[in-house]
């Protein structure tokens, strides 16, 4: 079986939300900026709770922020 990753559109969503900084998003979801950096680089898969907090920060459903496997559309 191939390696499937949890991916996300966080960087694009930040840009589309008044160019929100990584620090601003981190503050909203109560994590460090380094956590946001790791998420955007694909080096870290969030807990379910954090994934929901991030989706809520963008006022979007979870599946519009995160995806499983190869899905590059927003």
PDB file of N, CA and C in Angstrom:
ATOM      1  N   UNK A   1       0.844  -1.174   0.000  1.00  0.00           N
ATOM      2  CA  UNK A   1       0.000   0.000   0.000  1.00  0.00           C
ATOM      3  C   UNK A   1       0.889   1.237   0.000  1.00  0.00           C
ATOM      4  N   UNK A   2       0.539   2.254  -0.793  1.00  0.00           N
ATOM      5  CA  UNK A   2       1.311   3.488  -0.855  1.00  0.00           C
ATOM      6  C   UNK A   2       1.112   4.345   0.374  1.00  0.00           C
ATOM      7  N   UNK A   3       1.993   5.289   0.533  1.00  0.00           N
ATOM      8  CA  UNK A   3       1.911   6.194   1.679  1.00  0.00           C
ATOM      9  C   UNK A   3       0.898   7.291   1.395  1.00  0.00           C
ATOM     10  N   UNK A   4      -0.145   7.361   2.201  1.00  0.00           N
ATOM     11  CA  UNK A   4      -1.148   8.421   2.072  1.00  0.00           C
ATOM     12  C   UNK A   4      -0.920   9.438   3.175  1.00  0.00           C
ATOM     13  N   UNK A   5      -1.012  10.682   2.822  1.00  0.00           N
ATOM     14  CA  UNK A   5      -0.763  11.755   3.772  1.00  0.00           C
ATOM     15  C   UNK A   5      -2.002  12.607   3.964  1.00  0.00           C
ATOM     16  N   UNK A   6      -2.093  13.189   5.127  1.00  0.00           N
ATOM     17  CA  UNK A   6      -3.113  14.198   5.355  1.00  0.00           C
ATOM     18  C   UNK A   6      -2.522  15.506   4.865  1.00  0.00           C
ATOM     19  N   UNK A   7      -3.148  16.105   3.867  1.00  0.00           N
ATOM     20  CA  UNK A   7      -2.690  17.373   3.328  1.00  0.00           C
ATOM     21  C   UNK A   7      -3.635  18.488   3.727  1.00  0.00           C
ATOM     22  N   UNK A   8      -3.256  19.705   3.391  1.00  0.00           N
ATOM     23  CA  UNK A   8      -4.109  20.831   3.759  1.00  0.00           C
ATOM     24  C   UNK A   8      -3.911  21.994   2.802  1.00  0.00           C
ATOM     25  N   UNK A   9      -4.829  22.920   2.896  1.00  0.00           N
ATOM     26  CA  UNK A   9      -4.797  24.138   2.086  1.00  0.00           C
ATOM     27  C   UNK A   9      -4.577  25.371   2.970  1.00  0.00           C
ATOM     28  N   UNK A  10      -3.925  25.198   4.095  1.00  0.00           N
ATOM     29  CA  UNK A  10      -3.802  26.279   5.080  1.00  0.00           C
ATOM     30  C   UNK A  10      -3.099  27.500   4.504  1.00  0.00           C
ATOM     31  N   UNK A  11      -1.997  27.306   3.822  1.00  0.00           N
ATOM     32  CA  UNK A  11      -1.244  28.459   3.285  1.00  0.00           C
ATOM     33  C   UNK A  11      -2.124  29.279   2.340  1.00  0.00           C
ATOM     34  N   UNK A  12      -2.800  28.612   1.425  1.00  0.00           N
ATOM     35  CA  UNK A  12      -3.674  29.295   0.475  1.00  0.00           C
ATOM     36  C   UNK A  12      -4.830  29.990   1.197  1.00  0.00           C
ATOM     37  N   UNK A  13      -5.394  29.321   2.186  1.00  0.00           N
ATOM     38  CA  UNK A  13      -6.508  29.907   2.938  1.00  0.00           C
ATOM     39  C   UNK A  13      -6.065  31.140   3.730  1.00  0.00           C
ATOM     40  N   UNK A  14      -4.867  31.083   4.301  1.00  0.00           N
ATOM     41  CA  UNK A  14      -4.358  32.259   5.021  1.00  0.00           C
ATOM     42  C   UNK A  14      -4.242  33.446   4.073  1.00  0.00           C
ATOM     43  N   UNK A  15      -3.700  33.191   2.894  1.00  0.00           N
ATOM     44  CA  UNK A  15      -3.534  34.255   1.913  1.00  0.00           C
ATOM     45  C   UNK A  15      -4.896  34.842   1.518  1.00  0.00           C
ATOM     46  N   UNK A  16      -5.881  33.968   1.344  1.00  0.00           N
ATOM     47  CA  UNK A  16      -7.219  34.413   0.941  1.00  0.00           C
ATOM     48  C   UNK A  16      -8.015  35.056   2.073  1.00  0.00           C
ATOM     49  N   UNK A  17      -7.531  34.958   3.282  1.00  0.00           N
ATOM     50  CA  UNK A  17      -8.181  35.591   4.431  1.00  0.00           C
ATOM     51  C   UNK A  17      -7.346  36.798   4.868  1.00  0.00           C
ATOM     52  N   UNK A  18      -7.318  37.793   4.010  1.00  0.00           N
ATOM     53  CA  UNK A  18      -6.605  39.051   4.290  1.00  0.00           C
ATOM     54  C   UNK A  18      -5.134  38.831   4.620  1.00  0.00           C
ATOM     55  N   UNK A  19      -4.516  37.851   3.944  1.00  0.00           N
ATOM     56  CA  UNK A  19      -3.099  37.550   4.139  1.00  0.00           C
ATOM     57  C   UNK A  19      -2.754  37.364   5.614  1.00  0.00           C
ATOM     58  N   UNK A  20      -3.571  36.543   6.278  1.00  0.00           N
ATOM     59  CA  UNK A  20      -3.363  36.200   7.678  1.00  0.00           C
ATOM     60  C   UNK A  20      -1.963  35.611   7.853  1.00  0.00           C
ATOM     61  N   UNK A  21      -1.267  36.042   8.873  1.00  0.00           N
ATOM     62  CA  UNK A  21       0.070  35.512   9.119  1.00  0.00           C
ATOM     63  C   UNK A  21      -0.029  34.154   9.827  1.00  0.00           C
ATOM     64  N   UNK A  22       1.072  33.429   9.795  1.00  0.00           N
ATOM     65  CA  UNK A  22       1.121  32.163  10.526  1.00  0.00           C
ATOM     66  C   UNK A  22       0.896  32.409  12.012  1.00  0.00           C
ATOM     67  N   UNK A  23       1.456  33.496  12.521  1.00  0.00           N
ATOM     68  CA  UNK A  23       1.295  33.798  13.944  1.00  0.00           C
ATOM     69  C   UNK A  23      -0.149  34.120  14.283  1.00  0.00           C
ATOM     70  N   UNK A  24      -0.833  34.859  13.426  1.00  0.00           N
ATOM     71  CA  UNK A  24      -2.238  35.175  13.680  1.00  0.00           C
ATOM     72  C   UNK A  24      -3.085  33.910  13.734  1.00  0.00           C
ATOM     73  N   UNK A  25      -2.850  32.992  12.796  1.00  0.00           N
ATOM     74  CA  UNK A  25      -3.592  31.734  12.819  1.00  0.00           C
ATOM     75  C   UNK A  25      -3.232  30.924  14.061  1.00  0.00           C
ATOM     76  N   UNK A  26      -1.961  30.870  14.380  1.00  0.00           N
ATOM     77  CA  UNK A  26      -1.529  30.139  15.571  1.00  0.00           C
ATOM     78  C   UNK A  26      -2.212  30.679  16.821  1.00  0.00           C
ATOM     79  N   UNK A  27      -2.287  31.993  16.935  1.00  0.00           N
ATOM     80  CA  UNK A  27      -2.954  32.607  18.087  1.00  0.00           C
ATOM     81  C   UNK A  27      -4.437  32.240  18.129  1.00  0.00           C
ATOM     82  N   UNK A  28      -5.090  32.231  16.970  1.00  0.00           N
ATOM     83  CA  UNK A  28      -6.524  31.900  16.909  1.00  0.00           C
ATOM     84  C   UNK A  28      -6.805  30.473  17.346  1.00  0.00           C
ATOM     85  N   UNK A  29      -5.921  29.547  16.988  1.00  0.00           N
ATOM     86  CA  UNK A  29      -6.171  28.139  17.286  1.00  0.00           C
ATOM     87  C   UNK A  29      -5.358  27.633  18.474  1.00  0.00           C
ATOM     88  N   UNK A  30      -4.657  28.547  19.132  1.00  0.00           N
ATOM     89  CA  UNK A  30      -3.932  28.279  20.374  1.00  0.00           C
ATOM     90  C   UNK A  30      -2.826  27.228  20.228  1.00  0.00           C
ATOM     91  N   UNK A  31      -1.984  27.426  19.205  1.00  0.00           N
ATOM     92  CA  UNK A  31      -0.778  26.617  19.030  1.00  0.00           C
ATOM     93  C   UNK A  31       0.374  27.570  18.748  1.00  0.00           C
ATOM     94  N   UNK A  32       1.561  27.032  18.591  1.00  0.00           N
ATOM     95  CA  UNK A  32       2.705  27.876  18.256  1.00  0.00           C
ATOM     96  C   UNK A  32       2.763  28.103  16.744  1.00  0.00           C
ATOM     97  N   UNK A  33       3.479  29.136  16.361  1.00  0.00           N
ATOM     98  CA  UNK A  33       3.685  29.403  14.937  1.00  0.00           C
ATOM     99  C   UNK A  33       4.420  28.233  14.290  1.00  0.00           C
ATOM    100  N   UNK A  34       5.315  27.607  15.036  1.00  0.00           N
ATOM    101  CA  UNK A  34       6.060  26.471  14.502  1.00  0.00           C
ATOM    102  C   UNK A  34       5.130  25.313  14.145  1.00  0.00           C
ATOM    103  N   UNK A  35       4.046  25.149  14.869  1.00  0.00           N
ATOM    104  CA  UNK A  35       3.060  24.112  14.542  1.00  0.00           C
ATOM    105  C   UNK A  35       2.414  24.410  13.202  1.00  0.00           C
ATOM    106  N   UNK A  36       2.072  25.675  12.957  1.00  0.00           N
ATOM    107  CA  UNK A  36       1.470  26.067  11.680  1.00  0.00           C
ATOM    108  C   UNK A  36       2.470  25.841  10.548  1.00  0.00           C
ATOM    109  N   UNK A  37       3.729  26.190  10.772  1.00  0.00           N
ATOM    110  CA  UNK A  37       4.779  25.966   9.767  1.00  0.00           C
ATOM    111  C   UNK A  37       4.860  24.479   9.422  1.00  0.00           C
ATOM    112  N   UNK A  38       4.896  23.621  10.444  1.00  0.00           N
ATOM    113  CA  UNK A  38       4.992  22.176  10.222  1.00  0.00           C
ATOM    114  C   UNK A  38       3.770  21.641   9.477  1.00  0.00           C
ATOM    115  N   UNK A  39       2.593  22.157   9.805  1.00  0.00           N
ATOM    116  CA  UNK A  39       1.371  21.750   9.099  1.00  0.00           C
ATOM    117  C   UNK A  39       1.450  22.131   7.626  1.00  0.00           C
ATOM    118  N   UNK A  40       1.814  23.365   7.356  1.00  0.00           N
ATOM    119  CA  UNK A  40       1.873  23.844   5.974  1.00  0.00           C
ATOM    120  C   UNK A  40       2.902  23.078   5.148  1.00  0.00           C
ATOM    121  N   UNK A  41       3.999  22.671   5.754  1.00  0.00           N
ATOM    122  CA  UNK A  41       5.040  21.920   5.051  1.00  0.00           C
ATOM    123  C   UNK A  41       4.679  20.445   4.892  1.00  0.00           C
ATOM    124  N   UNK A  42       3.620  20.019   5.564  1.00  0.00           N
ATOM    125  CA  UNK A  42       3.236  18.617   5.505  1.00  0.00           C
ATOM    126  C   UNK A  42       4.067  17.722   6.402  1.00  0.00           C
ATOM    127  N   UNK A  43       4.753  18.322   7.361  1.00  0.00           N
ATOM    128  CA  UNK A  43       5.586  17.554   8.286  1.00  0.00           C
ATOM    129  C   UNK A  43       4.828  17.095   9.525  1.00  0.00           C
ATOM    130  N   UNK A  44       3.579  17.502   9.642  1.00  0.00           N
ATOM    131  CA  UNK A  44       2.811  17.218  10.854  1.00  0.00           C
ATOM    132  C   UNK A  44       1.347  17.077  10.476  1.00  0.00           C
ATOM    133  N   UNK A  45       0.709  16.036  10.979  1.00  0.00           N
ATOM    134  CA  UNK A  45      -0.736  15.866  10.821  1.00  0.00           C
ATOM    135  C   UNK A  45      -1.389  16.265  12.134  1.00  0.00           C
ATOM    136  N   UNK A  46      -2.369  17.150  12.091  1.00  0.00           N
ATOM    137  CA  UNK A  46      -2.957  17.660  13.326  1.00  0.00           C
ATOM    138  C   UNK A  46      -3.851  16.629  14.008  1.00  0.00           C
ATOM    139  N   UNK A  47      -4.057  16.842  15.282  1.00  0.00           N
ATOM    140  CA  UNK A  47      -5.075  16.064  15.990  1.00  0.00           C
ATOM    141  C   UNK A  47      -6.433  16.441  15.405  1.00  0.00           C
ATOM    142  N   UNK A  48      -7.410  15.633  15.647  1.00  0.00           N
ATOM    143  CA  UNK A  48      -8.754  15.928  15.156  1.00  0.00           C
ATOM    144  C   UNK A  48      -9.257  17.243  15.742  1.00  0.00           C
ATOM    145  N   UNK A  49      -8.987  17.460  17.013  1.00  0.00           N
ATOM    146  CA  UNK A  49      -9.413  18.700  17.661  1.00  0.00           C
ATOM    147  C   UNK A  49      -8.766  19.924  16.997  1.00  0.00           C
ATOM    148  N   UNK A  50      -7.471  19.864  16.746  1.00  0.00           N
ATOM    149  CA  UNK A  50      -6.788  20.992  16.107  1.00  0.00           C
ATOM    150  C   UNK A  50      -7.290  21.198  14.688  1.00  0.00           C
ATOM    151  N   UNK A  51      -7.528  20.124  13.964  1.00  0.00           N
ATOM    152  CA  UNK A  51      -8.055  20.247  12.602  1.00  0.00           C
ATOM    153  C   UNK A  51      -9.388  20.990  12.616  1.00  0.00           C
ATOM    154  N   UNK A  52     -10.262  20.656  13.556  1.00  0.00           N
ATOM    155  CA  UNK A  52     -11.547  21.348  13.649  1.00  0.00           C
ATOM    156  C   UNK A  52     -11.365  22.811  14.042  1.00  0.00           C
ATOM    157  N   UNK A  53     -10.421  23.089  14.937  1.00  0.00           N
ATOM    158  CA  UNK A  53     -10.185  24.488  15.337  1.00  0.00           C
ATOM    159  C   UNK A  53      -9.682  25.310  14.154  1.00  0.00           C
ATOM    160  N   UNK A  54      -8.822  24.725  13.337  1.00  0.00           N
ATOM    161  CA  UNK A  54      -8.307  25.437  12.164  1.00  0.00           C
ATOM    162  C   UNK A  54      -9.426  25.670  11.155  1.00  0.00           C
ATOM    163  N   UNK A  55     -10.220  24.651  10.882  1.00  0.00           N
ATOM    164  CA  UNK A  55     -11.348  24.813   9.958  1.00  0.00           C
ATOM    165  C   UNK A  55     -12.304  25.891  10.469  1.00  0.00           C
ATOM    166  N   UNK A  56     -12.557  25.893  11.763  1.00  0.00           N
ATOM    167  CA  UNK A  56     -13.444  26.898  12.360  1.00  0.00           C
ATOM    168  C   UNK A  56     -12.855  28.301  12.213  1.00  0.00           C
ATOM    169  N   UNK A  57     -11.538  28.424  12.326  1.00  0.00           N
ATOM    170  CA  UNK A  57     -10.879  29.726  12.186  1.00  0.00           C
ATOM    171  C   UNK A  57     -11.104  30.312  10.797  1.00  0.00           C
ATOM    172  N   UNK A  58     -11.232  29.443   9.795  1.00  0.00           N
ATOM    173  CA  UNK A  58     -11.495  29.889   8.430  1.00  0.00           C
ATOM    174  C   UNK A  58     -12.983  29.867   8.090  1.00  0.00           C
ATOM    175  N   UNK A  59     -13.803  29.443   9.060  1.00  0.00           N
ATOM    176  CA  UNK A  59     -15.251  29.346   8.860  1.00  0.00           C
ATOM    177  C   UNK A  59     -15.579  28.427   7.678  1.00  0.00           C
ATOM    178  N   UNK A  60     -14.879  27.288   7.618  1.00  0.00           N
ATOM    179  CA  UNK A  60     -15.051  26.323   6.536  1.00  0.00           C
ATOM    180  C   UNK A  60     -15.252  24.932   7.119  1.00  0.00           C
ATOM    181  N   UNK A  61     -15.891  24.048   6.340  1.00  0.00           N
ATOM    182  CA  UNK A  61     -15.971  22.649   6.780  1.00  0.00           C
ATOM    183  C   UNK A  61     -14.580  22.011   6.749  1.00  0.00           C
ATOM    184  N   UNK A  62     -14.381  21.038   7.574  1.00  0.00           N
ATOM    185  CA  UNK A  62     -13.094  20.359   7.700  1.00  0.00           C
ATOM    186  C   UNK A  62     -12.539  19.904   6.354  1.00  0.00           C
ATOM    187  N   UNK A  63     -13.395  19.345   5.502  1.00  0.00           N
ATOM    188  CA  UNK A  63     -12.933  18.789   4.228  1.00  0.00           C
ATOM    189  C   UNK A  63     -12.511  19.854   3.215  1.00  0.00           C
ATOM    190  N   UNK A  64     -12.779  21.124   3.488  1.00  0.00           N
ATOM    191  CA  UNK A  64     -12.291  22.182   2.606  1.00  0.00           C
ATOM    192  C   UNK A  64     -10.933  22.716   3.049  1.00  0.00           C
ATOM    193  N   UNK A  65     -10.498  22.292   4.223  1.00  0.00           N
ATOM    194  CA  UNK A  65      -9.188  22.701   4.735  1.00  0.00           C
ATOM    195  C   UNK A  65      -8.201  21.545   4.639  1.00  0.00           C
ATOM    196  N   UNK A  66      -8.655  20.337   4.956  1.00  0.00           N
ATOM    197  CA  UNK A  66      -7.803  19.156   4.982  1.00  0.00           C
ATOM    198  C   UNK A  66      -8.286  18.130   3.973  1.00  0.00           C
ATOM    199  N   UNK A  67      -7.348  17.315   3.488  1.00  0.00           N
ATOM    200  CA  UNK A  67      -7.694  16.224   2.587  1.00  0.00           C
ATOM    201  C   UNK A  67      -6.773  15.043   2.876  1.00  0.00           C
ATOM    202  N   UNK A  68      -7.231  13.886   2.464  1.00  0.00           N
ATOM    203  CA  UNK A  68      -6.458  12.652   2.660  1.00  0.00           C
ATOM    204  C   UNK A  68      -6.060  12.124   1.298  1.00  0.00           C
ATOM    205  N   UNK A  69      -4.782  11.929   1.079  1.00  0.00           N
ATOM    206  CA  UNK A  69      -4.308  11.446  -0.208  1.00  0.00           C
ATOM    207  C   UNK A  69      -3.961  12.604  -1.121  1.00  0.00           C
ATOM    208  N   UNK A  70      -4.080  12.373  -2.425  1.00  0.00           N
ATOM    209  CA  UNK A  70      -3.692  13.381  -3.415  1.00  0.00           C
ATOM    210  C   UNK A  70      -4.906  14.180  -3.856  1.00  0.00           C
ATOM    211  N   UNK A  71      -5.096  15.323  -3.236  1.00  0.00           N
ATOM    212  CA  UNK A  71      -6.217  16.206  -3.561  1.00  0.00           C
ATOM    213  C   UNK A  71      -5.702  17.630  -3.441  1.00  0.00           C
ATOM    214  N   UNK A  72      -5.516  18.308  -4.560  1.00  0.00           N
ATOM    215  CA  UNK A  72      -4.901  19.633  -4.513  1.00  0.00           C
ATOM    216  C   UNK A  72      -5.892  20.756  -4.791  1.00  0.00           C
ATOM    217  N   UNK A  73      -7.178  20.456  -4.902  1.00  0.00           N
ATOM    218  CA  UNK A  73      -8.163  21.516  -5.152  1.00  0.00           C
ATOM    219  C   UNK A  73      -8.735  22.061  -3.862  1.00  0.00           C
ATOM    220  N   UNK A  74      -9.190  23.283  -3.906  1.00  0.00           N
ATOM    221  CA  UNK A  74      -9.829  23.900  -2.743  1.00  0.00           C
ATOM    222  C   UNK A  74     -11.312  23.850  -2.952  1.00  0.00           C
TER     223      UNK A  74
END
